[in-house]
């Protein structure tokens, strides 16, 4: 999943990173995203956790939807078509038409404040895209998320999510580091280490 395609200070020596066909066709240096996304996105854990905790899911927000496979998984599991964003134009163009009208081609750092200003609210926010953020963006992203959703399923971006063949995964920190940031933004832990609630 991609949140944005790099930044002036991202990558080696500030090189702009591209999230294009080559990235998704050799995702994490392994193979086509559509074939291996479940191993990296945390979608299976999210669906299982929401069911186990008996959380009512009437609306979903997905940040970094990639080519839309997780949208179909959520629809099958909960009968809900999510809203969300995806920065990569290549990936966005490949989202199935029945989902694409709810997905903005946008950087999540700009998309979230827009949703807050619009007064939107969702039961669950799902993303594995925090791994693409710069550290200085985390506080604002988590704070805006806390104004939009009751629950936040966060799977990737910890130190163990390192993928040597993926230069886009720049923000990898220990779980304790993330717990501090989530708590500071107004999120509270649940029985699952991956699910937070307001």
C-alpha atoms as a PDB file:
ATOM      1  CA  UNK A   1       0.000   0.000   0.000  1.00  0.00           C
ATOM      2  CA  UNK A   2       1.296   3.454  -0.729  1.00  0.00           C
ATOM      3  CA  UNK A   3       0.599   6.662   1.070  1.00  0.00           C
ATOM      4  CA  UNK A   4       2.784   8.883  -1.049  1.00  0.00           C
ATOM      5  CA  UNK A   5       5.640   8.550  -3.501  1.00  0.00           C
ATOM      6  CA  UNK A   6       8.484   9.959  -1.509  1.00  0.00           C
ATOM      7  CA  UNK A   7       9.456  13.472  -0.572  1.00  0.00           C
ATOM      8  CA  UNK A   8      12.295  15.920  -1.182  1.00  0.00           C
ATOM      9  CA  UNK A   9      14.091  14.612   1.897  1.00  0.00           C
ATOM     10  CA  UNK A  10      13.125  10.955   1.417  1.00  0.00           C
ATOM     11  CA  UNK A  11      15.279   8.180   0.043  1.00  0.00           C
ATOM     12  CA  UNK A  12      19.015   8.292  -0.515  1.00  0.00           C
ATOM     13  CA  UNK A  13      20.376  11.817  -0.679  1.00  0.00           C
ATOM     14  CA  UNK A  14      16.883  13.219  -1.098  1.00  0.00           C
ATOM     15  CA  UNK A  15      16.129  11.210  -4.223  1.00  0.00           C
ATOM     16  CA  UNK A  16      12.439  11.233  -5.168  1.00  0.00           C
ATOM     17  CA  UNK A  17      11.030   7.730  -4.909  1.00  0.00           C
ATOM     18  CA  UNK A  18       8.414   6.545  -7.377  1.00  0.00           C
ATOM     19  CA  UNK A  19       5.422   4.363  -6.564  1.00  0.00           C
ATOM     20  CA  UNK A  20       4.635   3.112 -10.057  1.00  0.00           C
ATOM     21  CA  UNK A  21       4.090  -0.105 -11.982  1.00  0.00           C
ATOM     22  CA  UNK A  22       7.564  -1.410 -11.174  1.00  0.00           C
ATOM     23  CA  UNK A  23       6.942  -0.970  -7.436  1.00  0.00           C
ATOM     24  CA  UNK A  24       3.679  -2.915  -7.438  1.00  0.00           C
ATOM     25  CA  UNK A  25       4.863  -5.588  -9.859  1.00  0.00           C
ATOM     26  CA  UNK A  26       7.864  -6.362  -7.613  1.00  0.00           C
ATOM     27  CA  UNK A  27       6.295  -5.468  -4.258  1.00  0.00           C
ATOM     28  CA  UNK A  28       8.893  -5.626  -1.474  1.00  0.00           C
ATOM     29  CA  UNK A  29      11.189  -7.088  -4.133  1.00  0.00           C
ATOM     30  CA  UNK A  30       9.145 -10.281  -4.164  1.00  0.00           C
ATOM     31  CA  UNK A  31       6.353 -10.318  -6.720  1.00  0.00           C
ATOM     32  CA  UNK A  32       3.040  -8.810  -7.822  1.00  0.00           C
ATOM     33  CA  UNK A  33       1.253  -6.884  -5.072  1.00  0.00           C
ATOM     34  CA  UNK A  34      -2.085  -8.495  -5.903  1.00  0.00           C
ATOM     35  CA  UNK A  35      -0.609 -11.925  -5.150  1.00  0.00           C
ATOM     36  CA  UNK A  36       1.175 -11.174  -1.868  1.00  0.00           C
ATOM     37  CA  UNK A  37      -0.608  -8.153  -0.358  1.00  0.00           C
ATOM     38  CA  UNK A  38      -2.180 -10.194   2.457  1.00  0.00           C
ATOM     39  CA  UNK A  39       1.286 -11.022   3.775  1.00  0.00           C
ATOM     40  CA  UNK A  40       2.135  -7.330   4.190  1.00  0.00           C
ATOM     41  CA  UNK A  41      -1.093  -5.381   4.670  1.00  0.00           C
ATOM     42  CA  UNK A  42      -2.473  -6.929   7.852  1.00  0.00           C
ATOM     43  CA  UNK A  43      -5.943  -7.195   6.304  1.00  0.00           C
ATOM     44  CA  UNK A  44      -6.473 -10.714   7.632  1.00  0.00           C
ATOM     45  CA  UNK A  45      -5.535  -9.674  11.148  1.00  0.00           C
ATOM     46  CA  UNK A  46      -7.796  -6.633  10.944  1.00  0.00           C
ATOM     47  CA  UNK A  47     -10.877  -8.581   9.868  1.00  0.00           C
ATOM     48  CA  UNK A  48     -10.264 -11.327  12.438  1.00  0.00           C
ATOM     49  CA  UNK A  49      -9.696  -8.796  15.238  1.00  0.00           C
ATOM     50  CA  UNK A  50     -12.805  -6.766  14.459  1.00  0.00           C
ATOM     51  CA  UNK A  51     -14.885  -9.934  14.425  1.00  0.00           C
ATOM     52  CA  UNK A  52     -13.339 -11.292  17.622  1.00  0.00           C
ATOM     53  CA  UNK A  53     -13.932  -7.999  19.443  1.00  0.00           C
ATOM     54  CA  UNK A  54     -17.473  -7.845  18.013  1.00  0.00           C
ATOM     55  CA  UNK A  55     -16.985  -4.322  16.729  1.00  0.00           C
ATOM     56  CA  UNK A  56     -19.852  -3.042  14.618  1.00  0.00           C
ATOM     57  CA  UNK A  57     -18.442  -1.982  11.258  1.00  0.00           C
ATOM     58  CA  UNK A  58     -20.795   0.263   9.328  1.00  0.00           C
ATOM     59  CA  UNK A  59     -18.141   2.479   7.765  1.00  0.00           C
ATOM     60  CA  UNK A  60     -14.466   2.118   6.909  1.00  0.00           C
ATOM     61  CA  UNK A  61     -11.630   4.435   5.921  1.00  0.00           C
ATOM     62  CA  UNK A  62      -8.544   2.967   4.236  1.00  0.00           C
ATOM     63  CA  UNK A  63      -5.379   5.025   3.843  1.00  0.00           C
ATOM     64  CA  UNK A  64      -3.218   3.739   1.006  1.00  0.00           C
ATOM     65  CA  UNK A  65      -5.585   1.355  -0.782  1.00  0.00           C
ATOM     66  CA  UNK A  66      -3.054   0.412  -3.496  1.00  0.00           C
ATOM     67  CA  UNK A  67      -4.884  -1.399  -6.317  1.00  0.00           C
ATOM     68  CA  UNK A  68      -7.958  -2.064  -4.203  1.00  0.00           C
ATOM     69  CA  UNK A  69      -7.673  -5.689  -3.109  1.00  0.00           C
ATOM     70  CA  UNK A  70      -8.250  -4.825   0.553  1.00  0.00           C
ATOM     71  CA  UNK A  71     -11.428  -2.968  -0.401  1.00  0.00           C
ATOM     72  CA  UNK A  72     -12.895  -6.177  -1.791  1.00  0.00           C
ATOM     73  CA  UNK A  73     -11.800  -8.062   1.339  1.00  0.00           C
ATOM     74  CA  UNK A  74     -13.602  -5.563   3.573  1.00  0.00           C
ATOM     75  CA  UNK A  75     -16.719  -5.635   1.430  1.00  0.00           C
ATOM     76  CA  UNK A  76     -16.838  -9.425   1.589  1.00  0.00           C
ATOM     77  CA  UNK A  77     -16.258  -9.483   5.356  1.00  0.00           C
ATOM     78  CA  UNK A  78     -18.581  -6.667   6.463  1.00  0.00           C
ATOM     79  CA  UNK A  79     -20.732  -5.731   3.483  1.00  0.00           C
ATOM     80  CA  UNK A  80     -19.212  -2.244   3.508  1.00  0.00           C
ATOM     81  CA  UNK A  81     -17.500  -0.380   0.677  1.00  0.00           C
ATOM     82  CA  UNK A  82     -14.718   1.695   2.225  1.00  0.00           C
ATOM     83  CA  UNK A  83     -13.723   5.284   1.543  1.00  0.00           C
ATOM     84  CA  UNK A  84     -10.056   6.168   1.334  1.00  0.00           C
ATOM     85  CA  UNK A  85      -7.110   7.500  -0.594  1.00  0.00           C
ATOM     86  CA  UNK A  86      -4.215   6.341  -2.738  1.00  0.00           C
ATOM     87  CA  UNK A  87      -1.446   8.545  -4.053  1.00  0.00           C
ATOM     88  CA  UNK A  88      -0.046   6.388  -6.846  1.00  0.00           C
ATOM     89  CA  UNK A  89      -1.798   7.226 -10.113  1.00  0.00           C
ATOM     90  CA  UNK A  90      -0.824   3.823 -11.498  1.00  0.00           C
ATOM     91  CA  UNK A  91      -2.411   1.986  -8.563  1.00  0.00           C
ATOM     92  CA  UNK A  92      -5.462   4.261  -8.406  1.00  0.00           C
ATOM     93  CA  UNK A  93      -6.268   3.618 -12.058  1.00  0.00           C
ATOM     94  CA  UNK A  94      -6.410  -0.118 -11.312  1.00  0.00           C
ATOM     95  CA  UNK A  95      -8.868   0.044  -8.433  1.00  0.00           C
ATOM     96  CA  UNK A  96     -12.077  -1.747  -9.537  1.00  0.00           C
ATOM     97  CA  UNK A  97     -14.653   0.753 -10.768  1.00  0.00           C
ATOM     98  CA  UNK A  98     -17.213  -0.182  -8.100  1.00  0.00           C
ATOM     99  CA  UNK A  99     -14.793   1.063  -5.416  1.00  0.00           C
ATOM    100  CA  UNK A 100     -12.891   3.842  -7.177  1.00  0.00           C
ATOM    101  CA  UNK A 101     -15.528   6.546  -6.825  1.00  0.00           C
ATOM    102  CA  UNK A 102     -15.007   6.447  -3.036  1.00  0.00           C
ATOM    103  CA  UNK A 103     -11.212   6.560  -3.288  1.00  0.00           C
ATOM    104  CA  UNK A 104      -9.428   9.875  -3.770  1.00  0.00           C
ATOM    105  CA  UNK A 105      -6.081  10.011  -5.475  1.00  0.00           C
ATOM    106  CA  UNK A 106      -4.407  11.951  -2.707  1.00  0.00           C
ATOM    107  CA  UNK A 107      -1.592  12.069  -0.180  1.00  0.00           C
ATOM    108  CA  UNK A 108      -2.950  10.877   3.175  1.00  0.00           C
ATOM    109  CA  UNK A 109      -1.287  13.830   4.923  1.00  0.00           C
ATOM    110  CA  UNK A 110      -3.596  16.174   3.004  1.00  0.00           C
ATOM    111  CA  UNK A 111      -6.571  13.841   2.719  1.00  0.00           C
ATOM    112  CA  UNK A 112      -7.037  13.393   6.485  1.00  0.00           C
ATOM    113  CA  UNK A 113      -7.372  17.117   7.361  1.00  0.00           C
ATOM    114  CA  UNK A 114      -9.838  17.509   4.494  1.00  0.00           C
ATOM    115  CA  UNK A 115     -11.992  14.733   5.922  1.00  0.00           C
ATOM    116  CA  UNK A 116     -11.851  16.322   9.386  1.00  0.00           C
ATOM    117  CA  UNK A 117     -12.940  19.684   7.985  1.00  0.00           C
ATOM    118  CA  UNK A 118     -15.789  17.968   6.137  1.00  0.00           C
ATOM    119  CA  UNK A 119     -17.041  16.505   9.417  1.00  0.00           C
ATOM    120  CA  UNK A 120     -16.633  12.896   8.302  1.00  0.00           C
ATOM    121  CA  UNK A 121     -16.679  10.009  10.818  1.00  0.00           C
ATOM    122  CA  UNK A 122     -15.901   6.312  10.413  1.00  0.00           C
ATOM    123  CA  UNK A 123     -16.145   3.251  12.600  1.00  0.00           C
ATOM    124  CA  UNK A 124     -12.736   1.899  11.594  1.00  0.00           C
ATOM    125  CA  UNK A 125      -9.599   3.342  10.013  1.00  0.00           C
ATOM    126  CA  UNK A 126      -7.259   0.798   8.440  1.00  0.00           C
ATOM    127  CA  UNK A 127      -3.765   1.374   7.095  1.00  0.00           C
ATOM    128  CA  UNK A 128      -0.375  -0.182   6.703  1.00  0.00           C
ATOM    129  CA  UNK A 129       0.920   2.992   5.050  1.00  0.00           C
ATOM    130  CA  UNK A 130       2.454   4.728   8.064  1.00  0.00           C
ATOM    131  CA  UNK A 131       5.691   3.014   7.065  1.00  0.00           C
ATOM    132  CA  UNK A 132       5.955   5.542   4.200  1.00  0.00           C
ATOM    133  CA  UNK A 133       5.678   8.641   6.384  1.00  0.00           C
ATOM    134  CA  UNK A 134       8.424  10.899   7.605  1.00  0.00           C
ATOM    135  CA  UNK A 135       8.756  10.902  11.373  1.00  0.00           C
ATOM    136  CA  UNK A 136       7.786  14.568  11.599  1.00  0.00           C
ATOM    137  CA  UNK A 137       4.401  13.787   9.969  1.00  0.00           C
ATOM    138  CA  UNK A 138       3.306  11.102  12.443  1.00  0.00           C
ATOM    139  CA  UNK A 139       1.871  13.327  15.183  1.00  0.00           C
ATOM    140  CA  UNK A 140      -0.443  15.244  12.839  1.00  0.00           C
ATOM    141  CA  UNK A 141      -1.578  12.096  11.014  1.00  0.00           C
ATOM    142  CA  UNK A 142      -2.471  10.246  14.222  1.00  0.00           C
ATOM    143  CA  UNK A 143      -4.193  13.294  15.724  1.00  0.00           C
ATOM    144  CA  UNK A 144      -6.342  13.830  12.607  1.00  0.00           C
ATOM    145  CA  UNK A 145      -7.161  10.122  12.548  1.00  0.00           C
ATOM    146  CA  UNK A 146      -8.403  10.319  16.148  1.00  0.00           C
ATOM    147  CA  UNK A 147     -10.943  12.931  15.037  1.00  0.00           C
ATOM    148  CA  UNK A 148     -12.215  10.712  12.230  1.00  0.00           C
ATOM    149  CA  UNK A 149     -12.504   7.157  13.518  1.00  0.00           C
ATOM    150  CA  UNK A 150     -13.513   5.150  16.598  1.00  0.00           C
ATOM    151  CA  UNK A 151     -10.945   2.406  15.924  1.00  0.00           C
ATOM    152  CA  UNK A 152      -7.559   2.387  14.183  1.00  0.00           C
ATOM    153  CA  UNK A 153      -6.030  -0.874  12.934  1.00  0.00           C
ATOM    154  CA  UNK A 154      -2.297  -0.406  12.579  1.00  0.00           C
ATOM    155  CA  UNK A 155      -0.171  -3.308  11.410  1.00  0.00           C
ATOM    156  CA  UNK A 156       3.037  -2.358   9.600  1.00  0.00           C
ATOM    157  CA  UNK A 157       5.733   0.251  10.257  1.00  0.00           C
ATOM    158  CA  UNK A 158       7.398  -1.511  13.161  1.00  0.00           C
ATOM    159  CA  UNK A 159      11.037  -2.540  13.122  1.00  0.00           C
ATOM    160  CA  UNK A 160      10.182  -6.118  12.146  1.00  0.00           C
ATOM    161  CA  UNK A 161       8.498  -4.896   8.947  1.00  0.00           C
ATOM    162  CA  UNK A 162      11.856  -4.117   7.345  1.00  0.00           C
ATOM    163  CA  UNK A 163      12.032  -5.229   3.728  1.00  0.00           C
ATOM    164  CA  UNK A 164      15.538  -4.781   2.281  1.00  0.00           C
ATOM    165  CA  UNK A 165      14.241  -4.613  -1.292  1.00  0.00           C
ATOM    166  CA  UNK A 166      11.728  -1.828  -0.537  1.00  0.00           C
ATOM    167  CA  UNK A 167      13.359   1.627  -0.232  1.00  0.00           C
ATOM    168  CA  UNK A 168       9.936   3.210   0.432  1.00  0.00           C
ATOM    169  CA  UNK A 169       9.665   1.668   3.919  1.00  0.00           C
ATOM    170  CA  UNK A 170      11.458   4.481   5.676  1.00  0.00           C
ATOM    171  CA  UNK A 171       9.679   4.773   9.035  1.00  0.00           C
ATOM    172  CA  UNK A 172      10.380   1.601  10.985  1.00  0.00           C
ATOM    173  CA  UNK A 173      10.322   1.944  14.765  1.00  0.00           C
ATOM    174  CA  UNK A 174       9.863  -0.423  17.724  1.00  0.00           C
ATOM    175  CA  UNK A 175       6.314  -1.034  18.921  1.00  0.00           C
ATOM    176  CA  UNK A 176       7.026   0.907  22.122  1.00  0.00           C
ATOM    177  CA  UNK A 177       7.819   3.990  20.001  1.00  0.00           C
ATOM    178  CA  UNK A 178       4.500   3.674  18.171  1.00  0.00           C
ATOM    179  CA  UNK A 179       2.561   3.077  21.387  1.00  0.00           C
ATOM    180  CA  UNK A 180       3.854   6.370  22.748  1.00  0.00           C
ATOM    181  CA  UNK A 181       2.808   8.231  19.578  1.00  0.00           C
ATOM    182  CA  UNK A 182      -0.656   6.691  19.481  1.00  0.00           C
ATOM    183  CA  UNK A 183      -1.267   7.449  23.147  1.00  0.00           C
ATOM    184  CA  UNK A 184      -0.040  11.013  22.673  1.00  0.00           C
ATOM    185  CA  UNK A 185      -2.557  11.518  19.860  1.00  0.00           C
ATOM    186  CA  UNK A 186      -5.490  10.434  22.020  1.00  0.00           C
ATOM    187  CA  UNK A 187      -5.704   6.724  21.142  1.00  0.00           C
ATOM    188  CA  UNK A 188      -6.144   4.020  23.776  1.00  0.00           C
ATOM    189  CA  UNK A 189      -4.929   0.406  23.489  1.00  0.00           C
ATOM    190  CA  UNK A 190      -7.249  -2.565  23.187  1.00  0.00           C
ATOM    191  CA  UNK A 191      -6.628  -6.256  23.828  1.00  0.00           C
ATOM    192  CA  UNK A 192      -5.073  -6.481  20.363  1.00  0.00           C
ATOM    193  CA  UNK A 193      -1.612  -4.943  19.881  1.00  0.00           C
ATOM    194  CA  UNK A 194      -2.753  -3.823  16.439  1.00  0.00           C
ATOM    195  CA  UNK A 195      -6.055  -2.157  17.309  1.00  0.00           C
ATOM    196  CA  UNK A 196      -6.476   1.243  18.988  1.00  0.00           C
ATOM    197  CA  UNK A 197      -9.626   3.047  20.048  1.00  0.00           C
ATOM    198  CA  UNK A 198     -10.556   6.637  20.860  1.00  0.00           C
END
